[in-house]
């Protein structure tokens, strides 16, 4: 019986150790934290090191929003055989990503499944190009207005009262935004409900209605970090998705880029 309990303890310890746990941030916070941000394309993968469980990926930058270009990534895992429990990742030739890398101090940074990144379509599309234009404008605004965000953290919010995935803020009529993103400063209570909200920059259309809906309906996702545990004020970045205006099951205004 003692041997069985010992084996069970060892087994559970292995599971606990091997589980991959990533700290997820919002796109805006990842951008502010990063020192290299860009759109990359994987040119080739090679140089597998079975002992260290790493391989290399040559890349090219299609767009660079921040930092300095480099030509090669170190990737955690084995080619075509990554283990998610160890935070490994599989990348393939011709794949495209938005990457947001922090702490890059050499020419061969390493990425894993925890690295902030967004998989893009292999072939650029009209909607994809429109999204990248929104991204460019958003990043430019963040760069020019860093002083407004000092001491604050970007987080996300959601309408938990919505049953079908659609939200009141996505169903506003006569909404003709002048820009495709908005940033709000919010103050929350103990239940993560919004007590106060002030726009740093609005959409330029129906801004008062949007602000009222956010305050009444949205719950803030409090970042699970020790230095944020006592904070009551956060920043929220919302995007407008014109391509979703005729899709009832998709949101036209959301945290997601």
C-alpha atoms as a PDB file:
ATOM      1  CA  UNK A   1       0.000   0.000   0.000  1.00  0.00           C
ATOM      2  CA  UNK A   2       2.844   2.367   0.899  1.00  0.00           C
ATOM      3  CA  UNK A   3       4.548   1.600  -2.429  1.00  0.00           C
ATOM      4  CA  UNK A   4       1.317   2.335  -4.273  1.00  0.00           C
ATOM      5  CA  UNK A   5       0.920   5.670  -2.510  1.00  0.00           C
ATOM      6  CA  UNK A   6       4.555   6.529  -3.244  1.00  0.00           C
ATOM      7  CA  UNK A   7       4.106   5.761  -6.941  1.00  0.00           C
ATOM      8  CA  UNK A   8       0.932   7.831  -7.014  1.00  0.00           C
ATOM      9  CA  UNK A   9       2.749  10.760  -5.369  1.00  0.00           C
ATOM     10  CA  UNK A  10       5.607  10.562  -7.895  1.00  0.00           C
ATOM     11  CA  UNK A  11       3.138  10.360 -10.790  1.00  0.00           C
ATOM     12  CA  UNK A  12       1.193  13.407  -9.611  1.00  0.00           C
ATOM     13  CA  UNK A  13       4.459  15.293  -9.054  1.00  0.00           C
ATOM     14  CA  UNK A  14       5.537  14.593 -12.629  1.00  0.00           C
ATOM     15  CA  UNK A  15       2.210  15.868 -13.936  1.00  0.00           C
ATOM     16  CA  UNK A  16       2.518  19.017 -11.856  1.00  0.00           C
ATOM     17  CA  UNK A  17       6.086  19.668 -12.987  1.00  0.00           C
ATOM     18  CA  UNK A  18       5.421  18.938 -16.654  1.00  0.00           C
ATOM     19  CA  UNK A  19       2.305  21.077 -16.982  1.00  0.00           C
ATOM     20  CA  UNK A  20       2.863  24.202 -19.063  1.00  0.00           C
ATOM     21  CA  UNK A  21       1.544  27.357 -17.433  1.00  0.00           C
ATOM     22  CA  UNK A  22       1.751  30.632 -19.317  1.00  0.00           C
ATOM     23  CA  UNK A  23       1.028  34.140 -18.060  1.00  0.00           C
ATOM     24  CA  UNK A  24      -1.294  35.652 -20.657  1.00  0.00           C
ATOM     25  CA  UNK A  25      -1.425  39.389 -21.239  1.00  0.00           C
ATOM     26  CA  UNK A  26      -3.563  41.495 -23.544  1.00  0.00           C
ATOM     27  CA  UNK A  27      -2.282  42.587 -26.941  1.00  0.00           C
ATOM     28  CA  UNK A  28      -1.736  46.160 -25.757  1.00  0.00           C
ATOM     29  CA  UNK A  29       0.161  45.096 -22.637  1.00  0.00           C
ATOM     30  CA  UNK A  30       2.268  42.639 -24.621  1.00  0.00           C
ATOM     31  CA  UNK A  31       3.157  45.447 -27.033  1.00  0.00           C
ATOM     32  CA  UNK A  32       4.198  47.812 -24.248  1.00  0.00           C
ATOM     33  CA  UNK A  33       6.268  45.057 -22.592  1.00  0.00           C
ATOM     34  CA  UNK A  34       7.968  43.937 -25.814  1.00  0.00           C
ATOM     35  CA  UNK A  35      11.139  45.245 -27.398  1.00  0.00           C
ATOM     36  CA  UNK A  36      10.636  43.443 -30.738  1.00  0.00           C
ATOM     37  CA  UNK A  37       7.230  43.398 -32.454  1.00  0.00           C
ATOM     38  CA  UNK A  38       6.533  42.481 -36.059  1.00  0.00           C
ATOM     39  CA  UNK A  39       4.899  40.286 -38.680  1.00  0.00           C
ATOM     40  CA  UNK A  40       7.156  37.389 -39.625  1.00  0.00           C
ATOM     41  CA  UNK A  41       7.080  34.554 -42.141  1.00  0.00           C
ATOM     42  CA  UNK A  42       8.771  31.212 -41.494  1.00  0.00           C
ATOM     43  CA  UNK A  43      11.239  30.508 -44.334  1.00  0.00           C
ATOM     44  CA  UNK A  44      12.580  27.138 -43.177  1.00  0.00           C
ATOM     45  CA  UNK A  45      12.972  24.979 -40.071  1.00  0.00           C
ATOM     46  CA  UNK A  46      16.136  22.981 -39.370  1.00  0.00           C
ATOM     47  CA  UNK A  47      18.908  22.265 -36.856  1.00  0.00           C
ATOM     48  CA  UNK A  48      17.010  20.035 -34.480  1.00  0.00           C
ATOM     49  CA  UNK A  49      18.748  19.350 -31.168  1.00  0.00           C
ATOM     50  CA  UNK A  50      17.085  16.282 -29.681  1.00  0.00           C
ATOM     51  CA  UNK A  51      18.917  16.560 -26.358  1.00  0.00           C
ATOM     52  CA  UNK A  52      17.915  20.167 -25.715  1.00  0.00           C
ATOM     53  CA  UNK A  53      14.603  19.746 -27.565  1.00  0.00           C
ATOM     54  CA  UNK A  54      15.078  22.840 -29.681  1.00  0.00           C
ATOM     55  CA  UNK A  55      15.328  23.672 -33.369  1.00  0.00           C
ATOM     56  CA  UNK A  56      15.874  26.724 -35.527  1.00  0.00           C
ATOM     57  CA  UNK A  57      13.598  28.679 -37.836  1.00  0.00           C
ATOM     58  CA  UNK A  58      14.835  31.169 -40.410  1.00  0.00           C
ATOM     59  CA  UNK A  59      12.384  34.028 -40.778  1.00  0.00           C
ATOM     60  CA  UNK A  60      11.779  37.208 -42.695  1.00  0.00           C
ATOM     61  CA  UNK A  61      10.057  40.299 -41.339  1.00  0.00           C
ATOM     62  CA  UNK A  62       7.140  41.497 -43.436  1.00  0.00           C
ATOM     63  CA  UNK A  63       6.512  44.384 -41.036  1.00  0.00           C
ATOM     64  CA  UNK A  64       8.477  45.703 -38.063  1.00  0.00           C
ATOM     65  CA  UNK A  65       6.586  47.782 -35.482  1.00  0.00           C
ATOM     66  CA  UNK A  66       9.227  47.918 -32.776  1.00  0.00           C
ATOM     67  CA  UNK A  67      12.849  46.902 -32.278  1.00  0.00           C
ATOM     68  CA  UNK A  68      15.469  45.461 -34.632  1.00  0.00           C
ATOM     69  CA  UNK A  69      15.094  42.722 -37.232  1.00  0.00           C
ATOM     70  CA  UNK A  70      16.851  39.378 -36.934  1.00  0.00           C
ATOM     71  CA  UNK A  71      17.001  36.328 -39.197  1.00  0.00           C
ATOM     72  CA  UNK A  72      16.755  33.245 -36.985  1.00  0.00           C
ATOM     73  CA  UNK A  73      14.557  32.069 -34.108  1.00  0.00           C
ATOM     74  CA  UNK A  74      15.329  29.312 -31.642  1.00  0.00           C
ATOM     75  CA  UNK A  75      12.181  27.248 -31.157  1.00  0.00           C
ATOM     76  CA  UNK A  76      11.404  25.041 -28.153  1.00  0.00           C
ATOM     77  CA  UNK A  77      10.441  21.511 -29.225  1.00  0.00           C
ATOM     78  CA  UNK A  78      11.249  19.050 -31.968  1.00  0.00           C
ATOM     79  CA  UNK A  79      10.352  19.561 -35.609  1.00  0.00           C
ATOM     80  CA  UNK A  80       6.812  18.284 -36.095  1.00  0.00           C
ATOM     81  CA  UNK A  81       6.801  16.759 -32.619  1.00  0.00           C
ATOM     82  CA  UNK A  82       6.292  19.425 -29.991  1.00  0.00           C
ATOM     83  CA  UNK A  83       5.088  18.612 -26.475  1.00  0.00           C
ATOM     84  CA  UNK A  84       2.531  21.117 -25.209  1.00  0.00           C
ATOM     85  CA  UNK A  85       3.074  20.058 -21.589  1.00  0.00           C
ATOM     86  CA  UNK A  86       6.613  21.461 -21.799  1.00  0.00           C
ATOM     87  CA  UNK A  87       5.504  24.698 -23.482  1.00  0.00           C
ATOM     88  CA  UNK A  88       6.945  23.542 -26.808  1.00  0.00           C
ATOM     89  CA  UNK A  89       5.656  24.759 -30.153  1.00  0.00           C
ATOM     90  CA  UNK A  90       5.566  23.537 -33.734  1.00  0.00           C
ATOM     91  CA  UNK A  91       6.152  26.075 -36.529  1.00  0.00           C
ATOM     92  CA  UNK A  92       6.177  25.255 -40.225  1.00  0.00           C
ATOM     93  CA  UNK A  93       7.489  26.777 -43.420  1.00  0.00           C
ATOM     94  CA  UNK A  94       5.351  29.608 -44.882  1.00  0.00           C
ATOM     95  CA  UNK A  95       3.438  30.211 -41.654  1.00  0.00           C
ATOM     96  CA  UNK A  96       2.983  33.867 -40.694  1.00  0.00           C
ATOM     97  CA  UNK A  97       2.839  35.291 -37.184  1.00  0.00           C
ATOM     98  CA  UNK A  98       2.537  38.522 -35.292  1.00  0.00           C
ATOM     99  CA  UNK A  99       5.183  38.156 -32.590  1.00  0.00           C
ATOM    100  CA  UNK A 100       5.701  40.322 -29.510  1.00  0.00           C
ATOM    101  CA  UNK A 101       9.041  39.478 -27.892  1.00  0.00           C
ATOM    102  CA  UNK A 102      10.324  40.909 -24.632  1.00  0.00           C
ATOM    103  CA  UNK A 103      13.825  40.661 -23.222  1.00  0.00           C
ATOM    104  CA  UNK A 104      15.435  40.186 -26.637  1.00  0.00           C
ATOM    105  CA  UNK A 105      19.138  40.928 -26.210  1.00  0.00           C
ATOM    106  CA  UNK A 106      20.710  38.828 -28.948  1.00  0.00           C
ATOM    107  CA  UNK A 107      20.211  37.930 -32.602  1.00  0.00           C
ATOM    108  CA  UNK A 108      18.626  34.518 -31.952  1.00  0.00           C
ATOM    109  CA  UNK A 109      15.719  34.872 -29.491  1.00  0.00           C
ATOM    110  CA  UNK A 110      13.804  31.795 -28.361  1.00  0.00           C
ATOM    111  CA  UNK A 111      10.059  31.252 -28.678  1.00  0.00           C
ATOM    112  CA  UNK A 112       7.763  28.729 -27.008  1.00  0.00           C
ATOM    113  CA  UNK A 113       4.031  28.192 -26.735  1.00  0.00           C
ATOM    114  CA  UNK A 114       4.028  30.910 -24.049  1.00  0.00           C
ATOM    115  CA  UNK A 115       5.521  33.554 -26.337  1.00  0.00           C
ATOM    116  CA  UNK A 116       2.970  36.278 -27.188  1.00  0.00           C
ATOM    117  CA  UNK A 117       2.060  35.656 -30.818  1.00  0.00           C
ATOM    118  CA  UNK A 118      -0.884  35.506 -33.200  1.00  0.00           C
ATOM    119  CA  UNK A 119      -1.112  33.103 -36.130  1.00  0.00           C
ATOM    120  CA  UNK A 120      -2.030  34.880 -39.362  1.00  0.00           C
ATOM    121  CA  UNK A 121      -3.382  33.544 -42.628  1.00  0.00           C
ATOM    122  CA  UNK A 122      -0.640  32.114 -44.829  1.00  0.00           C
ATOM    123  CA  UNK A 123      -1.888  34.219 -47.739  1.00  0.00           C
ATOM    124  CA  UNK A 124      -2.702  37.886 -47.039  1.00  0.00           C
ATOM    125  CA  UNK A 125      -6.357  38.816 -47.596  1.00  0.00           C
ATOM    126  CA  UNK A 126      -8.399  42.032 -47.784  1.00  0.00           C
ATOM    127  CA  UNK A 127      -9.749  41.546 -44.262  1.00  0.00           C
ATOM    128  CA  UNK A 128      -6.296  40.570 -43.052  1.00  0.00           C
ATOM    129  CA  UNK A 129      -4.745  43.717 -44.505  1.00  0.00           C
ATOM    130  CA  UNK A 130      -7.483  45.810 -42.886  1.00  0.00           C
ATOM    131  CA  UNK A 131      -6.714  44.201 -39.514  1.00  0.00           C
ATOM    132  CA  UNK A 132      -3.013  44.948 -39.952  1.00  0.00           C
ATOM    133  CA  UNK A 133      -3.819  48.578 -40.689  1.00  0.00           C
ATOM    134  CA  UNK A 134      -5.787  48.725 -37.425  1.00  0.00           C
ATOM    135  CA  UNK A 135      -2.830  47.126 -35.674  1.00  0.00           C
ATOM    136  CA  UNK A 136      -0.433  49.711 -37.098  1.00  0.00           C
ATOM    137  CA  UNK A 137      -2.604  52.620 -35.932  1.00  0.00           C
ATOM    138  CA  UNK A 138      -3.104  51.072 -32.488  1.00  0.00           C
ATOM    139  CA  UNK A 139       0.606  50.487 -31.938  1.00  0.00           C
ATOM    140  CA  UNK A 140       1.403  53.988 -33.151  1.00  0.00           C
ATOM    141  CA  UNK A 141      -1.044  55.458 -30.644  1.00  0.00           C
ATOM    142  CA  UNK A 142       0.389  53.352 -27.807  1.00  0.00           C
ATOM    143  CA  UNK A 143       3.901  54.534 -28.644  1.00  0.00           C
ATOM    144  CA  UNK A 144       2.940  58.204 -28.769  1.00  0.00           C
ATOM    145  CA  UNK A 145       0.874  58.144 -25.573  1.00  0.00           C
ATOM    146  CA  UNK A 146       2.884  55.964 -23.187  1.00  0.00           C
ATOM    147  CA  UNK A 147       2.781  58.687 -20.544  1.00  0.00           C
ATOM    148  CA  UNK A 148      -0.993  58.191 -20.244  1.00  0.00           C
ATOM    149  CA  UNK A 149      -0.534  54.553 -19.237  1.00  0.00           C
ATOM    150  CA  UNK A 150       2.115  54.938 -16.524  1.00  0.00           C
ATOM    151  CA  UNK A 151       1.221  52.869 -13.457  1.00  0.00           C
ATOM    152  CA  UNK A 152      -1.705  51.172 -15.222  1.00  0.00           C
ATOM    153  CA  UNK A 153      -2.133  47.731 -16.789  1.00  0.00           C
ATOM    154  CA  UNK A 154      -4.144  46.798 -19.856  1.00  0.00           C
ATOM    155  CA  UNK A 155      -6.626  44.017 -19.223  1.00  0.00           C
ATOM    156  CA  UNK A 156      -9.788  42.657 -20.849  1.00  0.00           C
ATOM    157  CA  UNK A 157     -13.499  42.748 -20.069  1.00  0.00           C
ATOM    158  CA  UNK A 158     -16.547  40.784 -21.113  1.00  0.00           C
ATOM    159  CA  UNK A 159     -20.324  40.825 -20.905  1.00  0.00           C
ATOM    160  CA  UNK A 160     -21.152  37.762 -18.845  1.00  0.00           C
ATOM    161  CA  UNK A 161     -24.893  38.347 -19.275  1.00  0.00           C
ATOM    162  CA  UNK A 162     -24.754  37.508 -22.978  1.00  0.00           C
ATOM    163  CA  UNK A 163     -26.164  34.064 -23.826  1.00  0.00           C
ATOM    164  CA  UNK A 164     -25.372  33.781 -27.528  1.00  0.00           C
ATOM    165  CA  UNK A 165     -21.914  35.348 -27.600  1.00  0.00           C
ATOM    166  CA  UNK A 166     -23.351  38.638 -28.840  1.00  0.00           C
ATOM    167  CA  UNK A 167     -23.196  41.732 -26.614  1.00  0.00           C
ATOM    168  CA  UNK A 168     -25.137  44.984 -26.318  1.00  0.00           C
ATOM    169  CA  UNK A 169     -22.071  46.974 -27.266  1.00  0.00           C
ATOM    170  CA  UNK A 170     -21.902  45.041 -30.559  1.00  0.00           C
ATOM    171  CA  UNK A 171     -25.527  45.805 -31.425  1.00  0.00           C
ATOM    172  CA  UNK A 172     -25.451  49.600 -31.304  1.00  0.00           C
ATOM    173  CA  UNK A 173     -27.350  51.140 -34.203  1.00  0.00           C
ATOM    174  CA  UNK A 174     -26.108  53.991 -36.382  1.00  0.00           C
ATOM    175  CA  UNK A 175     -22.534  53.275 -35.383  1.00  0.00           C
ATOM    176  CA  UNK A 176     -20.028  54.829 -37.808  1.00  0.00           C
ATOM    177  CA  UNK A 177     -16.645  54.900 -36.044  1.00  0.00           C
ATOM    178  CA  UNK A 178     -13.981  57.344 -37.118  1.00  0.00           C
ATOM    179  CA  UNK A 179     -11.310  54.917 -35.960  1.00  0.00           C
ATOM    180  CA  UNK A 180     -11.182  51.195 -35.329  1.00  0.00           C
ATOM    181  CA  UNK A 181     -10.033  51.121 -31.707  1.00  0.00           C
ATOM    182  CA  UNK A 182     -10.798  52.779 -28.390  1.00  0.00           C
ATOM    183  CA  UNK A 183      -9.090  52.849 -24.988  1.00  0.00           C
ATOM    184  CA  UNK A 184     -10.827  53.301 -21.647  1.00  0.00           C
ATOM    185  CA  UNK A 185      -9.612  53.800 -18.113  1.00  0.00           C
ATOM    186  CA  UNK A 186     -11.844  51.921 -15.679  1.00  0.00           C
ATOM    187  CA  UNK A 187     -12.183  51.731 -11.911  1.00  0.00           C
ATOM    188  CA  UNK A 188     -13.534  48.480 -10.489  1.00  0.00           C
ATOM    189  CA  UNK A 189     -15.077  47.281  -7.234  1.00  0.00           C
ATOM    190  CA  UNK A 190     -14.422  44.089  -5.256  1.00  0.00           C
ATOM    191  CA  UNK A 191     -16.549  42.079  -7.710  1.00  0.00           C
ATOM    192  CA  UNK A 192     -14.570  43.373 -10.716  1.00  0.00           C
ATOM    193  CA  UNK A 193     -17.607  45.369 -11.845  1.00  0.00           C
ATOM    194  CA  UNK A 194     -16.916  48.789 -13.307  1.00  0.00           C
ATOM    195  CA  UNK A 195     -17.648  51.710 -10.988  1.00  0.00           C
ATOM    196  CA  UNK A 196     -16.119  54.439 -13.089  1.00  0.00           C
ATOM    197  CA  UNK A 197     -15.036  54.769 -16.714  1.00  0.00           C
ATOM    198  CA  UNK A 198     -13.365  57.517 -18.730  1.00  0.00           C
ATOM    199  CA  UNK A 199     -12.329  57.288 -22.388  1.00  0.00           C
ATOM    200  CA  UNK A 200      -8.706  58.005 -23.208  1.00  0.00           C
ATOM    201  CA  UNK A 201      -9.629  57.805 -26.867  1.00  0.00           C
ATOM    202  CA  UNK A 202     -13.048  56.814 -28.212  1.00  0.00           C
ATOM    203  CA  UNK A 203     -14.326  55.391 -31.484  1.00  0.00           C
ATOM    204  CA  UNK A 204     -15.692  58.774 -32.525  1.00  0.00           C
ATOM    205  CA  UNK A 205     -19.274  57.520 -32.842  1.00  0.00           C
ATOM    206  CA  UNK A 206     -21.874  56.705 -30.169  1.00  0.00           C
ATOM    207  CA  UNK A 207     -19.142  57.054 -27.548  1.00  0.00           C
ATOM    208  CA  UNK A 208     -21.493  57.954 -24.686  1.00  0.00           C
ATOM    209  CA  UNK A 209     -23.721  54.932 -25.364  1.00  0.00           C
ATOM    210  CA  UNK A 210     -20.714  52.634 -25.577  1.00  0.00           C
ATOM    211  CA  UNK A 211     -19.307  53.989 -22.322  1.00  0.00           C
ATOM    212  CA  UNK A 212     -22.648  53.484 -20.545  1.00  0.00           C
ATOM    213  CA  UNK A 213     -22.987  49.903 -21.805  1.00  0.00           C
ATOM    214  CA  UNK A 214     -19.438  49.019 -20.743  1.00  0.00           C
ATOM    215  CA  UNK A 215     -20.084  50.390 -17.257  1.00  0.00           C
ATOM    216  CA  UNK A 216     -23.411  48.574 -16.845  1.00  0.00           C
ATOM    217  CA  UNK A 217     -22.646  45.257 -18.528  1.00  0.00           C
ATOM    218  CA  UNK A 218     -18.948  44.505 -18.496  1.00  0.00           C
ATOM    219  CA  UNK A 219     -16.898  42.630 -15.918  1.00  0.00           C
ATOM    220  CA  UNK A 220     -13.149  43.267 -15.850  1.00  0.00           C
ATOM    221  CA  UNK A 221     -10.710  40.381 -15.976  1.00  0.00           C
ATOM    222  CA  UNK A 222      -8.317  41.226 -13.152  1.00  0.00           C
ATOM    223  CA  UNK A 223      -4.751  40.184 -14.081  1.00  0.00           C
ATOM    224  CA  UNK A 224      -3.511  37.404 -11.797  1.00  0.00           C
ATOM    225  CA  UNK A 225      -0.233  39.030 -10.815  1.00  0.00           C
ATOM    226  CA  UNK A 226       0.932  39.879  -7.322  1.00  0.00           C
ATOM    227  CA  UNK A 227       1.748  43.480  -8.235  1.00  0.00           C
ATOM    228  CA  UNK A 228      -1.794  43.978  -9.548  1.00  0.00           C
ATOM    229  CA  UNK A 229      -3.701  42.259  -6.737  1.00  0.00           C
ATOM    230  CA  UNK A 230      -4.579  45.520  -4.961  1.00  0.00           C
ATOM    231  CA  UNK A 231      -5.092  47.657  -8.035  1.00  0.00           C
ATOM    232  CA  UNK A 232      -8.540  49.026  -8.770  1.00  0.00           C
ATOM    233  CA  UNK A 233      -7.850  50.920 -11.983  1.00  0.00           C
ATOM    234  CA  UNK A 234      -7.061  49.355 -15.341  1.00  0.00           C
ATOM    235  CA  UNK A 235      -7.005  50.083 -19.058  1.00  0.00           C
ATOM    236  CA  UNK A 236      -9.197  48.387 -21.659  1.00  0.00           C
ATOM    237  CA  UNK A 237      -8.517  48.342 -25.400  1.00  0.00           C
ATOM    238  CA  UNK A 238     -11.466  47.555 -27.689  1.00  0.00           C
ATOM    239  CA  UNK A 239     -11.451  46.943 -31.444  1.00  0.00           C
ATOM    240  CA  UNK A 240     -14.134  47.512 -34.073  1.00  0.00           C
ATOM    241  CA  UNK A 241     -14.579  44.640 -36.533  1.00  0.00           C
ATOM    242  CA  UNK A 242     -16.456  45.916 -39.571  1.00  0.00           C
ATOM    243  CA  UNK A 243     -16.238  42.487 -41.202  1.00  0.00           C
ATOM    244  CA  UNK A 244     -18.512  41.095 -38.467  1.00  0.00           C
ATOM    245  CA  UNK A 245     -21.374  43.576 -38.850  1.00  0.00           C
ATOM    246  CA  UNK A 246     -23.511  41.071 -40.755  1.00  0.00           C
ATOM    247  CA  UNK A 247     -22.520  38.043 -38.671  1.00  0.00           C
ATOM    248  CA  UNK A 248     -24.865  37.677 -35.717  1.00  0.00           C
ATOM    249  CA  UNK A 249     -22.656  35.120 -33.980  1.00  0.00           C
ATOM    250  CA  UNK A 250     -19.584  37.378 -34.013  1.00  0.00           C
ATOM    251  CA  UNK A 251     -18.848  40.564 -32.101  1.00  0.00           C
ATOM    252  CA  UNK A 252     -18.325  43.861 -33.893  1.00  0.00           C
ATOM    253  CA  UNK A 253     -16.712  45.428 -30.808  1.00  0.00           C
ATOM    254  CA  UNK A 254     -14.473  43.279 -28.620  1.00  0.00           C
ATOM    255  CA  UNK A 255     -11.158  42.969 -26.797  1.00  0.00           C
ATOM    256  CA  UNK A 256      -9.861  40.690 -29.528  1.00  0.00           C
ATOM    257  CA  UNK A 257      -7.897  42.042 -32.431  1.00  0.00           C
END
